């Protein structure tokens, strides 16, 4: 199966289209690949693990259910890392202090 971030090509209407994998999910005991094309359109592919074959899922009720399930499971607002602006700048200040402690003024010119 393709991993998140990988690209693959799939033939649609005799045209080879490049897709970028957004996620791999299991839905109702089947494995699916959620991918987008270069225009940013989302597509669902069924992945048959036994034959190592992928097949485009036509956009219908099943595809919309899979997308809804994926969006519910992958809620960007629940990100485990939430760096506010102040946290980001605090980290830069700490990094700058550690560089000052480690390198001489002449060596710092290389950064």
C-alpha atoms as a PDB file:
ATOM      1  CA  UNK A   1       0.000   0.000   0.000  1.00  0.00           C
ATOM      2  CA  UNK A   2       1.131   3.542  -0.580  1.00  0.00           C
ATOM      3  CA  UNK A   3       2.073   5.550   2.495  1.00  0.00           C
ATOM      4  CA  UNK A   4       0.921   9.021   3.392  1.00  0.00           C
ATOM      5  CA  UNK A   5       2.867  11.590   1.381  1.00  0.00           C
ATOM      6  CA  UNK A   6       3.772   9.186  -1.427  1.00  0.00           C
ATOM      7  CA  UNK A   7       2.683   9.742  -5.001  1.00  0.00           C
ATOM      8  CA  UNK A   8       1.342   7.234  -7.478  1.00  0.00           C
ATOM      9  CA  UNK A   9      -0.121   7.246 -10.969  1.00  0.00           C
ATOM     10  CA  UNK A  10      -3.545   5.899 -11.919  1.00  0.00           C
ATOM     11  CA  UNK A  11      -5.149   5.804 -15.351  1.00  0.00           C
ATOM     12  CA  UNK A  12      -8.484   7.607 -15.665  1.00  0.00           C
ATOM     13  CA  UNK A  13     -10.165   7.896 -19.080  1.00  0.00           C
ATOM     14  CA  UNK A  14      -6.957   6.837 -20.832  1.00  0.00           C
ATOM     15  CA  UNK A  15      -4.983   9.601 -19.062  1.00  0.00           C
ATOM     16  CA  UNK A  16      -2.331   8.833 -16.478  1.00  0.00           C
ATOM     17  CA  UNK A  17      -3.054  11.042 -13.456  1.00  0.00           C
ATOM     18  CA  UNK A  18      -0.683  11.647 -10.538  1.00  0.00           C
ATOM     19  CA  UNK A  19      -2.106  11.356  -7.021  1.00  0.00           C
ATOM     20  CA  UNK A  20      -0.662  12.237  -3.632  1.00  0.00           C
ATOM     21  CA  UNK A  21      -1.686   9.995  -0.715  1.00  0.00           C
ATOM     22  CA  UNK A  22      -3.392  11.921   2.078  1.00  0.00           C
ATOM     23  CA  UNK A  23      -4.264   8.948   4.265  1.00  0.00           C
ATOM     24  CA  UNK A  24      -4.742   5.217   4.508  1.00  0.00           C
ATOM     25  CA  UNK A  25      -7.854   4.201   6.379  1.00  0.00           C
ATOM     26  CA  UNK A  26      -9.799   1.077   7.172  1.00  0.00           C
ATOM     27  CA  UNK A  27     -13.546   1.453   6.823  1.00  0.00           C
ATOM     28  CA  UNK A  28     -15.992  -1.414   7.274  1.00  0.00           C
ATOM     29  CA  UNK A  29     -13.162  -3.976   7.165  1.00  0.00           C
ATOM     30  CA  UNK A  30     -11.844  -2.666   3.836  1.00  0.00           C
ATOM     31  CA  UNK A  31      -8.685  -0.670   3.209  1.00  0.00           C
ATOM     32  CA  UNK A  32      -8.876   2.615   1.352  1.00  0.00           C
ATOM     33  CA  UNK A  33      -6.439   5.220   0.126  1.00  0.00           C
ATOM     34  CA  UNK A  34      -7.534   8.837   0.241  1.00  0.00           C
ATOM     35  CA  UNK A  35      -5.594  10.813  -2.330  1.00  0.00           C
ATOM     36  CA  UNK A  36      -5.702  14.080  -4.185  1.00  0.00           C
ATOM     37  CA  UNK A  37      -4.686  14.972  -7.710  1.00  0.00           C
ATOM     38  CA  UNK A  38      -2.532  17.948  -8.651  1.00  0.00           C
ATOM     39  CA  UNK A  39      -5.628  20.171  -8.815  1.00  0.00           C
ATOM     40  CA  UNK A  40      -6.458  19.355  -5.178  1.00  0.00           C
ATOM     41  CA  UNK A  41      -9.512  17.175  -5.889  1.00  0.00           C
ATOM     42  CA  UNK A  42      -9.986  14.306  -3.416  1.00  0.00           C
ATOM     43  CA  UNK A  43     -10.389  10.725  -4.618  1.00  0.00           C
ATOM     44  CA  UNK A  44     -10.983   7.420  -2.838  1.00  0.00           C
ATOM     45  CA  UNK A  45      -9.259   4.207  -3.878  1.00  0.00           C
ATOM     46  CA  UNK A  46     -10.057   0.708  -2.655  1.00  0.00           C
ATOM     47  CA  UNK A  47      -6.900  -1.230  -1.843  1.00  0.00           C
ATOM     48  CA  UNK A  48      -7.018  -4.997  -2.231  1.00  0.00           C
ATOM     49  CA  UNK A  49      -4.236  -6.265   0.014  1.00  0.00           C
ATOM     50  CA  UNK A  50      -4.349  -9.807  -1.343  1.00  0.00           C
ATOM     51  CA  UNK A  51      -3.788  -8.735  -4.946  1.00  0.00           C
ATOM     52  CA  UNK A  52      -1.882  -5.542  -4.153  1.00  0.00           C
ATOM     53  CA  UNK A  53      -4.199  -3.706  -6.507  1.00  0.00           C
ATOM     54  CA  UNK A  54      -5.919  -0.332  -6.196  1.00  0.00           C
ATOM     55  CA  UNK A  55      -9.244   0.601  -7.721  1.00  0.00           C
ATOM     56  CA  UNK A  56     -10.918   3.988  -7.950  1.00  0.00           C
ATOM     57  CA  UNK A  57     -14.141   4.228  -5.945  1.00  0.00           C
ATOM     58  CA  UNK A  58     -16.721   6.116  -7.973  1.00  0.00           C
ATOM     59  CA  UNK A  59     -17.976   9.178  -6.160  1.00  0.00           C
ATOM     60  CA  UNK A  60     -21.252   8.040  -4.695  1.00  0.00           C
ATOM     61  CA  UNK A  61     -22.770   7.431  -1.281  1.00  0.00           C
ATOM     62  CA  UNK A  62     -19.976   5.035  -0.296  1.00  0.00           C
ATOM     63  CA  UNK A  63     -17.248   7.526  -1.259  1.00  0.00           C
ATOM     64  CA  UNK A  64     -18.922  10.394   0.590  1.00  0.00           C
ATOM     65  CA  UNK A  65     -19.319   8.180   3.697  1.00  0.00           C
ATOM     66  CA  UNK A  66     -15.624   7.299   3.584  1.00  0.00           C
ATOM     67  CA  UNK A  67     -14.623  10.958   3.231  1.00  0.00           C
ATOM     68  CA  UNK A  68     -16.897  11.939   6.134  1.00  0.00           C
ATOM     69  CA  UNK A  69     -15.460   9.152   8.283  1.00  0.00           C
ATOM     70  CA  UNK A  70     -11.916  10.236   7.411  1.00  0.00           C
ATOM     71  CA  UNK A  71     -12.614  13.896   8.202  1.00  0.00           C
ATOM     72  CA  UNK A  72     -14.173  12.937  11.547  1.00  0.00           C
ATOM     73  CA  UNK A  73     -11.185  10.757  12.445  1.00  0.00           C
ATOM     74  CA  UNK A  74      -8.633  13.270  11.206  1.00  0.00           C
ATOM     75  CA  UNK A  75      -9.756  16.428  12.949  1.00  0.00           C
ATOM     76  CA  UNK A  76      -7.009  19.016  12.490  1.00  0.00           C
ATOM     77  CA  UNK A  77      -8.244  20.989  15.503  1.00  0.00           C
ATOM     78  CA  UNK A  78      -7.232  18.092  17.764  1.00  0.00           C
ATOM     79  CA  UNK A  79      -3.582  18.394  16.812  1.00  0.00           C
ATOM     80  CA  UNK A  80      -1.388  17.091  19.651  1.00  0.00           C
ATOM     81  CA  UNK A  81       1.128  19.887  19.104  1.00  0.00           C
ATOM     82  CA  UNK A  82      -0.233  23.391  19.417  1.00  0.00           C
ATOM     83  CA  UNK A  83       2.492  26.011  19.363  1.00  0.00           C
ATOM     84  CA  UNK A  84       1.198  29.492  19.916  1.00  0.00           C
ATOM     85  CA  UNK A  85       3.176  32.462  18.652  1.00  0.00           C
ATOM     86  CA  UNK A  86       4.787  33.072  22.031  1.00  0.00           C
ATOM     87  CA  UNK A  87       5.960  29.471  22.378  1.00  0.00           C
ATOM     88  CA  UNK A  88       7.582  29.674  18.967  1.00  0.00           C
ATOM     89  CA  UNK A  89       9.506  32.831  19.794  1.00  0.00           C
ATOM     90  CA  UNK A  90      10.493  31.508  23.217  1.00  0.00           C
ATOM     91  CA  UNK A  91      12.082  28.553  21.514  1.00  0.00           C
ATOM     92  CA  UNK A  92      14.037  30.850  19.187  1.00  0.00           C
ATOM     93  CA  UNK A  93      15.304  32.869  22.143  1.00  0.00           C
ATOM     94  CA  UNK A  94      16.448  29.732  23.931  1.00  0.00           C
ATOM     95  CA  UNK A  95      18.187  28.523  20.779  1.00  0.00           C
ATOM     96  CA  UNK A  96      19.915  31.892  20.323  1.00  0.00           C
ATOM     97  CA  UNK A  97      21.136  31.815  23.929  1.00  0.00           C
ATOM     98  CA  UNK A  98      22.550  28.318  23.535  1.00  0.00           C
ATOM     99  CA  UNK A  99      24.365  29.339  20.316  1.00  0.00           C
ATOM    100  CA  UNK A 100      25.869  32.333  22.127  1.00  0.00           C
ATOM    101  CA  UNK A 101      27.114  30.034  24.869  1.00  0.00           C
ATOM    102  CA  UNK A 102      28.655  27.497  22.490  1.00  0.00           C
ATOM    103  CA  UNK A 103      30.192  29.503  19.633  1.00  0.00           C
ATOM    104  CA  UNK A 104      32.577  32.434  19.544  1.00  0.00           C
ATOM    105  CA  UNK A 105      31.614  35.699  17.835  1.00  0.00           C
ATOM    106  CA  UNK A 106      33.725  34.758  14.822  1.00  0.00           C
ATOM    107  CA  UNK A 107      32.063  31.348  14.476  1.00  0.00           C
ATOM    108  CA  UNK A 108      28.563  32.877  14.776  1.00  0.00           C
ATOM    109  CA  UNK A 109      29.177  34.789  11.553  1.00  0.00           C
ATOM    110  CA  UNK A 110      28.787  31.540   9.631  1.00  0.00           C
ATOM    111  CA  UNK A 111      25.113  31.151  10.697  1.00  0.00           C
END
